[in-house]
Amino acid sequence: MAFWRTYYHLIWATSARQPLITPEKESELYGYIIGKSDALNCIIHAINGTEDHIHIVTSIPPKISIADFVKQIKGSSAYHMNHLPSAAELAFAWQSGYGVFTLGSKQLETAKKYVENQKVHHAEGKIIKLLEIEEH
């Protein structure tokens, strides 16, 4: 077994920043992403967001590229959300891009707290602009 410690802060938005991550859908979406990540032998340290974007602090083993991880999580989670009995007429979709930041072990707790408090940061206007992705 290989030893690895990698930490990433990933951010991506819903297609056209539509408010698709409703409170009713949020736990289903996040639960699915955590389960899929577990199946890929990845670790989700924190996951949260607002109605139009998501933040994930994760550890991805070196055998999986960041791009492959994001592709699998975005693709399968959109498919999952669109095939739920409660799926709305408006299709669930993610934007095509994403943001990624590497973290050192000393930054992990700070990143986790930032992600866990996403809704508070946005409500109070105390976001870290660099960590809030915008679709172009």
Protein backbone atom coordinates (compact mmCIF):
# COMPACT_ATOMS: atom_id res chain seq x y z
CA MET A 1 0.00 0.00 0.00
CA ALA A 2 1.33 3.41 -0.96
CA PHE A 3 1.44 6.27 1.54
CA TRP A 4 0.02 9.59 0.36
CA ARG A 5 -1.23 12.84 1.80
CA THR A 6 -2.69 15.21 -0.76
CA TYR A 7 -5.20 17.97 -0.03
CA TYR A 8 -7.22 19.97 -2.53
CA HIS A 9 -9.88 22.67 -2.34
CA LEU A 10 -12.20 22.29 -5.35
CA ILE A 11 -14.92 24.69 -6.43
CA TRP A 12 -17.42 24.52 -9.27
CA ALA A 13 -20.78 26.03 -10.08
CA THR A 14 -24.08 24.88 -11.47
CA SER A 15 -24.71 25.52 -15.15
CA ALA A 16 -25.33 29.24 -15.74
CA ARG A 17 -25.21 29.66 -11.94
CA GLN A 18 -28.78 28.41 -11.69
CA PRO A 19 -29.99 27.92 -8.08
CA LEU A 20 -30.18 24.13 -8.42
CA ILE A 21 -28.77 23.11 -5.04
CA THR A 22 -31.90 23.70 -3.00
CA PRO A 23 -32.09 22.82 0.70
CA GLU A 24 -34.25 19.82 -0.29
CA LYS A 25 -31.61 18.52 -2.73
CA GLU A 26 -28.47 19.46 -0.83
CA SER A 27 -28.16 16.44 1.49
CA GLU A 28 -28.90 14.02 -1.38
CA LEU A 29 -26.27 15.66 -3.57
CA TYR A 30 -23.59 15.87 -0.87
CA GLY A 31 -24.30 12.32 0.30
CA TYR A 32 -23.96 11.03 -3.25
CA ILE A 33 -20.66 12.89 -3.77
CA ILE A 34 -19.25 11.52 -0.50
CA GLY A 35 -20.29 7.97 -1.45
CA LYS A 36 -18.83 8.24 -4.96
CA SER A 37 -15.60 9.67 -3.51
CA ASP A 38 -15.37 6.78 -1.06
CA ALA A 39 -15.77 4.34 -3.98
CA LEU A 40 -12.82 6.08 -5.68
CA ASN A 41 -10.76 5.78 -2.46
CA CYS A 42 -10.83 9.56 -2.05
CA ILE A 43 -11.51 11.34 1.22
CA ILE A 44 -13.96 14.21 1.58
CA HIS A 45 -12.80 16.38 4.47
CA ALA A 46 -15.51 19.03 3.97
CA ILE A 47 -18.33 19.69 1.50
CA ASN A 48 -20.72 22.64 1.37
CA GLY A 49 -21.81 25.51 -0.81
CA THR A 50 -24.74 27.65 -1.80
CA GLU A 51 -27.60 27.14 -4.25
CA ASP A 52 -25.33 27.77 -7.25
CA HIS A 53 -21.89 26.40 -6.38
CA ILE A 54 -20.07 23.83 -4.31
CA HIS A 55 -16.80 23.66 -2.36
CA ILE A 56 -15.07 20.38 -1.56
CA VAL A 57 -11.93 19.82 0.50
CA THR A 58 -10.66 16.41 -0.51
CA SER A 59 -7.71 14.05 -0.61
CA ILE A 60 -7.25 12.28 -3.94
CA PRO A 61 -4.78 9.40 -4.28
CA PRO A 62 -1.96 9.94 -6.80
CA LYS A 63 -3.33 7.22 -9.11
CA ILE A 64 -6.33 9.46 -9.92
CA SER A 65 -5.78 12.81 -11.62
CA ILE A 66 -7.66 15.82 -10.30
CA ALA A 67 -9.32 16.22 -13.71
CA ASP A 68 -10.55 12.60 -13.66
CA PHE A 69 -11.86 12.96 -10.12
CA VAL A 70 -13.79 16.14 -10.99
CA LYS A 71 -15.12 14.61 -14.23
CA GLN A 72 -16.38 11.52 -12.43
CA ILE A 73 -17.92 13.44 -9.53
CA LYS A 74 -19.59 16.09 -11.68
CA GLY A 75 -20.85 13.67 -14.31
CA SER A 76 -22.18 11.00 -12.00
CA SER A 77 -23.71 13.44 -9.51
CA ALA A 78 -25.62 15.27 -12.26
CA TYR A 79 -26.84 11.93 -13.63
CA HIS A 80 -27.87 10.84 -10.14
CA MET A 81 -29.76 14.06 -9.40
CA ASN A 82 -31.57 13.93 -12.76
CA HIS A 83 -32.75 10.36 -12.15
CA LEU A 84 -34.25 10.83 -8.71
CA PRO A 85 -38.03 10.43 -8.47
CA SER A 86 -38.19 14.04 -7.29
CA ALA A 87 -36.14 15.40 -10.24
CA ALA A 88 -37.55 18.73 -11.38
CA GLU A 89 -38.31 19.78 -14.94
CA LEU A 90 -35.15 21.90 -14.86
CA ALA A 91 -32.27 19.50 -15.49
CA PHE A 92 -29.46 19.45 -12.94
CA ALA A 93 -26.16 20.36 -14.60
CA TRP A 94 -22.74 21.68 -13.66
CA GLN A 95 -20.69 24.32 -15.47
CA SER A 96 -17.88 22.96 -17.63
CA GLY A 97 -14.98 24.33 -15.57
CA TYR A 98 -13.75 24.17 -12.01
CA GLY A 99 -11.20 25.73 -9.67
CA VAL A 100 -8.61 23.81 -7.68
CA PHE A 101 -6.14 24.86 -5.01
CA THR A 102 -3.56 22.63 -3.38
CA LEU A 103 -3.31 22.71 0.38
CA GLY A 104 -0.60 21.84 2.85
CA SER A 105 -1.46 19.91 5.98
CA LYS A 106 -1.22 23.14 8.01
CA GLN A 107 -3.91 24.74 5.80
CA LEU A 108 -6.35 21.82 5.99
CA GLU A 109 -8.28 22.91 9.09
CA THR A 110 -8.64 26.50 7.85
CA ALA A 111 -9.95 25.28 4.48
CA LYS A 112 -12.39 22.88 6.16
CA LYS A 113 -13.78 25.68 8.34
CA TYR A 114 -14.16 27.98 5.34
CA VAL A 115 -16.11 25.32 3.43
CA GLU A 116 -18.24 24.27 6.40
CA ASN A 117 -19.30 27.91 6.88
CA GLN A 118 -20.08 28.73 3.24
CA LYS A 119 -23.64 29.87 3.81
CA VAL A 120 -22.61 32.16 6.68
CA HIS A 121 -19.73 33.65 4.66
CA HIS A 122 -22.06 34.42 1.75
CA ALA A 123 -24.85 35.77 3.97
CA GLU A 124 -22.42 38.11 5.76
CA GLY A 125 -20.45 39.03 2.62
CA LYS A 126 -17.26 37.61 4.13
CA ILE A 127 -16.16 35.43 1.26
CA ILE A 128 -12.61 34.95 0.05
CA LYS A 129 -12.97 36.24 -3.52
CA LEU A 130 -10.17 34.03 -4.87
CA LEU A 131 -12.06 30.93 -3.66
CA GLU A 132 -15.36 31.84 -5.30
CA ILE A 133 -15.33 30.69 -8.92
CA GLU A 134 -17.15 32.64 -11.59
CA GLU A 135 -18.35 31.24 -14.89
CA HIS A 136 -17.19 33.15 -17.97
